Amino acid sequence: MSGSPPLRAGRAVLAAAIHTIGFVVTESVVEGCEGEPELVVLVDGTPLFVPEGDLMGRNPDELFGPGNPLVPVRGGRRVVLRSEPDWEQGPHIVEVFIQLVGSRVVWQSAGADVLPRTSPAHPFLVFDRSEYVAAVDQFDRERPVSHQRATSERFAALLAQHPDVVASFGYRIDAVVLSTPGGVPVGQVQVQVSKRHHSHRRHTITIAVPVGPSPELAAEKMVQRLTDFPLWAPVKRTT
């Protein structure tokens, strides 16, 4: 998300210490989200945030990949690093404003609280631009691929090999939605199909991504579920 910084970095950035950045993936310990992947941001090799309360780090799929929001852009952008998992309850979030200042990348708190490891005199985290971009790029290339994303991509590939998978039911596949609008796998795949006649009525079928099997076996199971699904059923059925 783009926007103006809450405070102007100004010349104070030039006097601030230069930090290094890194990333690791861990399993969440937040109640109800145990075992889910979350990103841990390392500053000088130490976690920027410690596990606390109901806040958890973002799923790495949300912050890396195409359109990586951690990569600084002209004008800067706001990025949520931590949040409560239940968005319907109006979650508390930890948000930073990432901007370029010359040859440096500056992280500045976009909320009321200051970032850990900052001081009133230097309320920023400052990184060398080249080292920062290299660290982000390396992690993006080497990070583990989530089970959900790998399964979704394999599922899409299988459907591409069998475009007539639902033809015998008198339907055709219009689109396969593998993730949220932001590109984040959500543990399920939505298959939109429409009947060839009867005014091209659109139906949405939601298929859960199986947990446990390898992505290949899980994707094959999802295709089988789609094939077995009664496509004459009401809209928004789930299997």
Protein backbone atom coordinates (compact mmCIF):
# COMPACT_ATOMS: atom_id res chain seq x y z
CA MET A 1 0.00 0.00 0.00
CA SER A 2 1.43 3.39 -0.92
CA GLY A 3 1.08 6.57 1.07
CA SER A 4 2.85 9.40 2.81
CA PRO A 5 5.09 8.61 5.77
CA PRO A 6 3.73 9.40 9.24
CA LEU A 7 6.92 11.39 9.88
CA ARG A 8 9.56 12.69 7.51
CA ALA A 9 12.85 10.84 7.71
CA GLY A 10 14.83 13.98 6.91
CA ARG A 11 18.49 14.31 7.82
CA ALA A 12 18.15 12.16 10.93
CA VAL A 13 18.50 9.12 8.67
CA LEU A 14 22.05 10.14 7.81
CA ALA A 15 23.01 10.02 11.49
CA ALA A 16 21.23 6.74 12.28
CA ALA A 17 23.00 3.38 12.51
CA ILE A 18 22.93 1.08 9.49
CA HIS A 19 21.35 -2.31 10.21
CA THR A 20 21.22 -5.61 8.36
CA ILE A 21 17.98 -7.41 7.56
CA GLY A 22 17.12 -11.08 7.24
CA PHE A 23 14.11 -13.38 7.31
CA VAL A 24 13.17 -16.83 8.56
CA VAL A 25 9.92 -18.78 8.54
CA THR A 26 8.56 -20.30 11.72
CA GLU A 27 5.36 -22.03 12.79
CA SER A 28 2.79 -19.91 14.57
CA VAL A 29 1.99 -20.56 18.22
CA VAL A 30 -1.04 -18.23 18.22
CA GLU A 31 -4.15 -20.05 19.46
CA GLY A 32 -6.18 -21.32 16.53
CA CYS A 33 -3.28 -20.85 14.09
CA GLU A 34 -0.82 -23.35 15.52
CA GLY A 35 1.54 -24.66 12.87
CA GLU A 36 0.74 -22.06 10.23
CA PRO A 37 3.79 -20.43 8.62
CA GLU A 38 4.69 -16.92 9.67
CA LEU A 39 7.49 -14.60 8.72
CA VAL A 40 10.05 -13.52 11.31
CA VAL A 41 11.99 -10.34 10.45
CA LEU A 42 15.59 -10.34 11.67
CA VAL A 43 17.45 -7.08 12.33
CA ASP A 44 21.16 -7.64 12.89
CA GLY A 45 20.37 -11.32 13.29
CA THR A 46 17.80 -10.81 16.08
CA PRO A 47 13.99 -11.07 15.68
CA LEU A 48 12.45 -7.62 15.37
CA PHE A 49 9.35 -8.79 17.23
CA VAL A 50 9.03 -11.45 19.90
CA PRO A 51 6.01 -13.80 20.01
CA GLU A 52 3.42 -12.05 22.09
CA GLY A 53 -0.34 -12.17 22.57
CA ASP A 54 -2.56 -12.77 19.57
CA LEU A 55 -0.33 -11.06 17.01
CA MET A 56 1.49 -13.18 14.47
CA GLY A 57 3.84 -12.53 11.58
CA ARG A 58 2.47 -12.52 8.07
CA ASN A 59 2.39 -15.62 5.90
CA PRO A 60 5.55 -15.31 3.74
CA ASP A 61 3.41 -15.84 0.63
CA GLU A 62 1.78 -12.48 1.42
CA LEU A 63 5.05 -10.53 1.46
CA PHE A 64 7.12 -12.29 -1.20
CA GLY A 65 6.64 -13.24 -4.80
CA PRO A 66 5.31 -11.00 -7.62
CA GLY A 67 4.80 -7.42 -6.44
CA ASN A 68 6.82 -8.03 -3.29
CA PRO A 69 5.68 -5.22 -0.94
CA LEU A 70 8.96 -5.28 0.99
CA VAL A 71 10.82 -3.94 -2.05
CA PRO A 72 10.94 -0.12 -1.69
CA VAL A 73 9.31 1.96 -4.41
CA ARG A 74 9.31 5.65 -5.23
CA GLY A 75 7.03 7.45 -2.78
CA GLY A 76 7.27 4.63 -0.25
CA ARG A 77 4.62 2.17 0.84
CA ARG A 78 2.91 0.89 3.96
CA VAL A 79 3.34 -2.79 4.85
CA VAL A 80 1.64 -4.79 7.61
CA LEU A 81 4.20 -7.00 9.35
CA ARG A 82 2.06 -8.49 12.11
CA SER A 83 -1.66 -8.78 12.77
CA GLU A 84 -4.32 -10.65 14.65
CA PRO A 85 -5.49 -13.67 12.64
CA ASP A 86 -9.22 -12.92 13.02
CA TRP A 87 -9.71 -10.01 10.62
CA GLU A 88 -13.48 -10.01 11.19
CA GLN A 89 -12.94 -8.73 14.72
CA GLY A 90 -11.06 -5.60 13.63
CA PRO A 91 -7.53 -6.80 14.32
CA HIS A 92 -4.68 -4.85 15.78
CA ILE A 93 -1.83 -4.58 13.28
CA VAL A 94 1.83 -3.61 13.24
CA GLU A 95 2.47 -1.52 10.15
CA VAL A 96 5.63 0.10 8.81
CA PHE A 97 6.28 2.68 6.12
CA ILE A 98 9.13 1.62 3.82
CA GLN A 99 10.85 4.32 1.81
CA LEU A 100 14.05 5.10 -0.07
CA VAL A 101 16.30 7.87 1.19
CA GLY A 102 19.27 8.12 -1.14
CA SER A 103 21.21 4.86 -0.94
CA ARG A 104 19.32 3.70 2.14
CA VAL A 105 16.06 1.90 2.87
CA VAL A 106 14.18 3.28 5.87
CA TRP A 107 11.56 1.49 7.94
CA GLN A 108 9.41 3.81 10.01
CA SER A 109 6.50 2.97 12.26
CA ALA A 110 3.20 3.79 10.57
CA GLY A 111 1.23 3.49 13.79
CA ALA A 112 1.26 4.99 17.25
CA ASP A 113 3.95 2.69 18.59
CA VAL A 114 7.63 3.04 17.74
CA LEU A 115 9.47 0.12 16.21
CA PRO A 116 11.57 -2.07 18.46
CA ARG A 117 15.26 -1.17 18.43
CA THR A 118 14.56 2.48 17.67
CA SER A 119 14.95 5.54 19.87
CA PRO A 120 13.22 8.92 20.11
CA ALA A 121 16.31 10.47 18.54
CA HIS A 122 16.29 8.05 15.59
CA PRO A 123 12.77 6.60 15.21
CA PHE A 124 13.82 4.63 12.12
CA LEU A 125 15.43 1.39 11.08
CA VAL A 126 17.92 2.13 8.32
CA PHE A 127 19.38 -0.40 5.89
CA ASP A 128 21.90 -0.17 3.08
CA ARG A 129 19.85 -0.32 -0.12
CA SER A 130 21.99 -2.82 -2.02
CA GLU A 131 22.34 -5.20 0.94
CA TYR A 132 18.63 -4.89 1.74
CA VAL A 133 17.47 -5.68 -1.80
CA ALA A 134 19.95 -8.58 -2.02
CA ALA A 135 18.64 -10.06 1.25
CA VAL A 136 15.01 -9.76 0.14
CA ASP A 137 15.78 -11.31 -3.26
CA GLN A 138 17.78 -14.19 -1.77
CA PHE A 139 15.06 -15.10 0.71
CA ASP A 140 12.41 -14.89 -2.02
CA ARG A 141 14.38 -17.35 -4.15
CA GLU A 142 15.25 -19.75 -1.35
CA ARG A 143 12.20 -19.65 0.89
CA PRO A 144 10.16 -22.84 1.27
CA VAL A 145 7.08 -23.02 -0.92
CA SER A 146 3.91 -23.39 1.12
CA HIS A 147 1.91 -26.60 0.80
CA GLN A 148 -1.16 -24.61 -0.22
CA ARG A 149 0.59 -22.76 -3.03
CA ALA A 150 2.36 -25.87 -4.35
CA THR A 151 -0.88 -27.87 -4.31
CA SER A 152 -2.85 -25.06 -5.98
CA GLU A 153 -0.29 -24.73 -8.76
CA ARG A 154 -0.26 -28.49 -9.34
CA PHE A 155 -4.07 -28.52 -9.36
CA ALA A 156 -4.12 -25.81 -12.02
CA ALA A 157 -1.60 -27.76 -14.10
CA LEU A 158 -3.72 -30.90 -13.91
CA LEU A 159 -6.82 -29.03 -15.03
CA ALA A 160 -4.89 -27.53 -17.93
CA GLN A 161 -4.11 -31.07 -19.09
CA HIS A 162 -7.78 -32.05 -18.89
CA PRO A 163 -9.89 -29.10 -20.11
CA ASP A 164 -12.89 -31.42 -20.54
CA VAL A 165 -12.83 -32.68 -16.96
CA VAL A 166 -16.42 -31.50 -16.42
CA ALA A 167 -17.63 -31.62 -20.01
CA SER A 168 -19.59 -34.80 -19.40
CA PHE A 169 -21.77 -32.89 -16.93
CA GLY A 170 -22.69 -30.26 -19.50
CA TYR A 171 -20.54 -27.58 -17.89
CA ARG A 172 -17.28 -25.89 -18.81
CA ILE A 173 -14.63 -24.34 -16.54
CA ASP A 174 -14.49 -20.56 -16.84
CA ALA A 175 -11.83 -19.78 -14.25
CA VAL A 176 -9.85 -21.28 -11.42
CA VAL A 177 -9.29 -18.92 -8.50
CA LEU A 178 -6.22 -20.14 -6.64
CA SER A 179 -5.79 -17.34 -4.11
CA THR A 180 -7.10 -14.13 -2.68
CA PRO A 181 -7.04 -10.94 -4.81
CA GLY A 182 -3.66 -10.20 -3.26
CA GLY A 183 -2.22 -13.49 -4.50
CA VAL A 184 -2.32 -15.35 -1.19
CA PRO A 185 -3.38 -19.01 -1.03
CA VAL A 186 -6.23 -19.37 1.42
CA GLY A 187 -6.38 -23.13 1.92
CA GLN A 188 -9.02 -23.67 -0.72
CA VAL A 189 -9.51 -23.42 -4.46
CA GLN A 190 -12.60 -21.96 -6.07
CA VAL A 191 -13.62 -23.37 -9.44
CA GLN A 192 -16.09 -21.27 -11.39
CA VAL A 193 -18.10 -23.22 -13.93
CA SER A 194 -21.07 -22.32 -16.10
CA LYS A 195 -23.68 -24.42 -17.82
CA ARG A 196 -23.51 -24.38 -21.59
CA HIS A 197 -27.17 -23.54 -21.89
CA HIS A 198 -29.83 -22.05 -19.64
CA SER A 199 -28.45 -18.47 -19.86
CA HIS A 200 -24.92 -19.56 -18.88
CA ARG A 201 -25.65 -19.71 -15.17
CA ARG A 202 -22.46 -19.46 -13.15
CA HIS A 203 -21.76 -21.78 -10.26
CA THR A 204 -18.91 -21.60 -7.75
CA ILE A 205 -17.52 -24.78 -6.26
CA THR A 206 -15.10 -24.55 -3.33
CA ILE A 207 -12.64 -27.41 -2.87
CA ALA A 208 -10.54 -27.53 0.29
CA VAL A 209 -6.80 -28.09 -0.13
CA PRO A 210 -6.05 -31.43 1.60
CA VAL A 211 -3.51 -31.32 4.41
CA GLY A 212 -0.92 -34.04 4.77
CA PRO A 213 -0.38 -35.62 1.35
CA SER A 214 2.32 -34.36 -0.98
CA PRO A 215 1.23 -31.49 -3.26
CA GLU A 216 1.03 -33.95 -6.18
CA LEU A 217 -1.26 -36.38 -4.34
CA ALA A 218 -3.31 -33.55 -2.83
CA ALA A 219 -3.86 -31.99 -6.26
CA GLU A 220 -4.95 -35.33 -7.72
CA LYS A 221 -7.40 -35.73 -4.84
CA MET A 222 -8.82 -32.28 -5.54
CA VAL A 223 -9.35 -33.12 -9.22
CA GLN A 224 -11.14 -36.29 -8.15
CA ARG A 225 -13.36 -34.27 -5.82
CA LEU A 226 -14.20 -31.92 -8.66
CA THR A 227 -15.03 -34.84 -10.98
CA ASP A 228 -17.24 -36.47 -8.35
CA PHE A 229 -19.02 -33.23 -7.44
CA PRO A 230 -22.69 -33.02 -8.57
CA LEU A 231 -22.44 -29.92 -10.72
CA TRP A 232 -26.20 -29.54 -10.82
CA ALA A 233 -26.09 -28.75 -7.10
CA PRO A 234 -26.91 -25.24 -5.82
CA VAL A 235 -24.40 -22.44 -6.11
CA LYS A 236 -21.59 -22.11 -3.55
CA ARG A 237 -21.55 -25.72 -2.46
CA THR A 238 -18.39 -26.92 -0.73
CA THR A 239 -16.58 -30.24 -0.96
